[in-house]
Amino acid sequence: MFRTDPGGPSAYTVTFPDQTLDERRTRRALREHVQRLQLILPVISVSVMALRQQRAELDEDIASVLHRHASDPLDAEIEKVEALLASLNPNREREVAI
């Protein structure tokens, strides 16, 4: 009555007809890049807080420079890459990690 085709597609096969393997790899690389950038932010934040807590003469200036020229630009870069990822993948719910 019912025949199973051993050569047919598996129930566990996931295909992405609208995405090539290179596109999925690019998206994965971008996500990993964002994750690495996100790990740097707390290091800068802790450094800024430590410098400000010490209240030495130049520490506040150094903390401000770190915040303005490292933390803020890094945060902006993360937002740009995340926006790029979102624009490349409008059907985000269909994405599966490789």
Protein backbone atom coordinates (compact mmCIF):
# COMPACT_ATOMS: atom_id res chain seq x y z
CA MET A 1 0.00 0.00 0.00
CA PHE A 2 2.68 2.51 1.05
CA ARG A 3 6.13 2.43 -0.51
CA THR A 4 9.16 4.15 0.86
CA ASP A 5 11.81 5.22 -1.57
CA PRO A 6 15.24 4.67 0.03
CA GLY A 7 16.79 6.96 -2.56
CA GLY A 8 14.32 9.79 -1.91
CA PRO A 9 14.86 12.89 0.15
CA SER A 10 15.31 12.49 3.87
CA ALA A 11 12.81 13.99 6.28
CA TYR A 12 15.77 15.70 7.98
CA THR A 13 17.16 17.42 4.91
CA VAL A 14 16.92 21.18 5.00
CA THR A 15 17.34 22.98 1.71
CA PHE A 16 17.57 26.67 0.96
CA PRO A 17 16.78 27.11 -2.71
CA ASP A 18 17.17 30.88 -2.48
CA GLN A 19 20.53 30.79 -0.66
CA THR A 20 23.82 29.45 -1.89
CA LEU A 21 26.36 27.85 0.39
CA ASP A 22 28.58 30.92 -0.04
CA GLU A 23 25.76 33.22 1.10
CA ARG A 24 25.17 31.12 4.21
CA ARG A 25 28.90 31.12 4.96
CA THR A 26 29.03 34.89 4.54
CA ARG A 27 26.11 35.36 6.93
CA ARG A 28 27.72 33.01 9.44
CA ALA A 29 31.04 34.85 9.20
CA LEU A 30 29.28 38.17 9.75
CA ARG A 31 27.42 36.82 12.80
CA GLU A 32 30.70 35.50 14.24
CA HIS A 33 32.34 38.88 13.57
CA VAL A 34 29.54 40.65 15.47
CA GLN A 35 29.96 38.23 18.37
CA ARG A 36 33.70 38.94 18.55
CA LEU A 37 33.08 42.68 18.46
CA GLN A 38 30.47 42.34 21.20
CA LEU A 39 33.06 40.63 23.41
CA ILE A 40 35.35 43.66 23.14
CA LEU A 41 32.77 46.17 24.39
CA PRO A 42 32.77 44.99 28.03
CA VAL A 43 36.58 45.13 28.13
CA ILE A 44 36.49 48.77 27.10
CA SER A 45 33.64 49.52 29.52
CA VAL A 46 35.49 47.98 32.46
CA SER A 47 38.63 49.90 31.55
CA VAL A 48 36.69 53.16 31.38
CA MET A 49 35.03 52.49 34.76
CA ALA A 50 38.35 51.56 36.39
CA LEU A 51 40.04 54.70 35.09
CA ARG A 52 37.19 56.89 36.32
CA GLN A 53 37.17 55.22 39.75
CA GLN A 54 40.89 55.91 40.23
CA ARG A 55 40.31 59.64 39.80
CA ALA A 56 43.92 60.27 38.90
CA GLU A 57 44.76 63.44 36.98
CA LEU A 58 44.77 62.02 33.44
CA ASP A 59 42.58 58.96 34.00
CA GLU A 60 39.32 60.80 33.31
CA ASP A 61 40.72 62.13 30.04
CA ILE A 62 41.92 58.66 29.02
CA ALA A 63 38.53 57.19 29.95
CA SER A 64 36.75 59.79 27.85
CA VAL A 65 39.00 59.12 24.86
CA LEU A 66 38.44 55.36 25.20
CA HIS A 67 34.70 55.85 25.40
CA ARG A 68 34.47 58.35 22.56
CA HIS A 69 36.97 56.79 20.14
CA ALA A 70 36.73 53.08 20.96
CA SER A 71 33.49 52.14 22.67
CA ASP A 72 31.11 54.38 20.73
CA PRO A 73 32.56 53.57 17.27
CA LEU A 74 32.64 49.86 18.09
CA ASP A 75 29.00 49.97 19.16
CA ALA A 76 28.10 51.79 15.94
CA GLU A 77 30.02 49.21 13.88
CA ILE A 78 28.16 46.35 15.55
CA GLU A 79 24.85 48.02 14.73
CA LYS A 80 25.89 48.48 11.08
CA VAL A 81 26.89 44.83 10.66
CA GLU A 82 23.70 43.65 12.38
CA ALA A 83 21.65 45.87 10.05
CA LEU A 84 23.54 44.48 7.06
CA LEU A 85 22.80 40.93 8.22
CA ALA A 86 19.12 41.77 8.66
CA SER A 87 18.92 43.30 5.18
CA LEU A 88 20.63 40.27 3.62
CA ASN A 89 18.21 37.91 5.27
CA PRO A 90 14.62 39.20 5.31
CA ASN A 91 13.36 35.67 6.10
CA ARG A 92 15.46 35.28 9.23
CA GLU A 93 13.24 32.55 10.70
CA ARG A 94 14.28 30.25 7.84
CA GLU A 95 17.96 30.53 8.66
CA VAL A 96 19.66 27.55 10.25
CA ALA A 97 23.20 27.54 11.60
CA ILE A 98 25.66 25.57 9.48
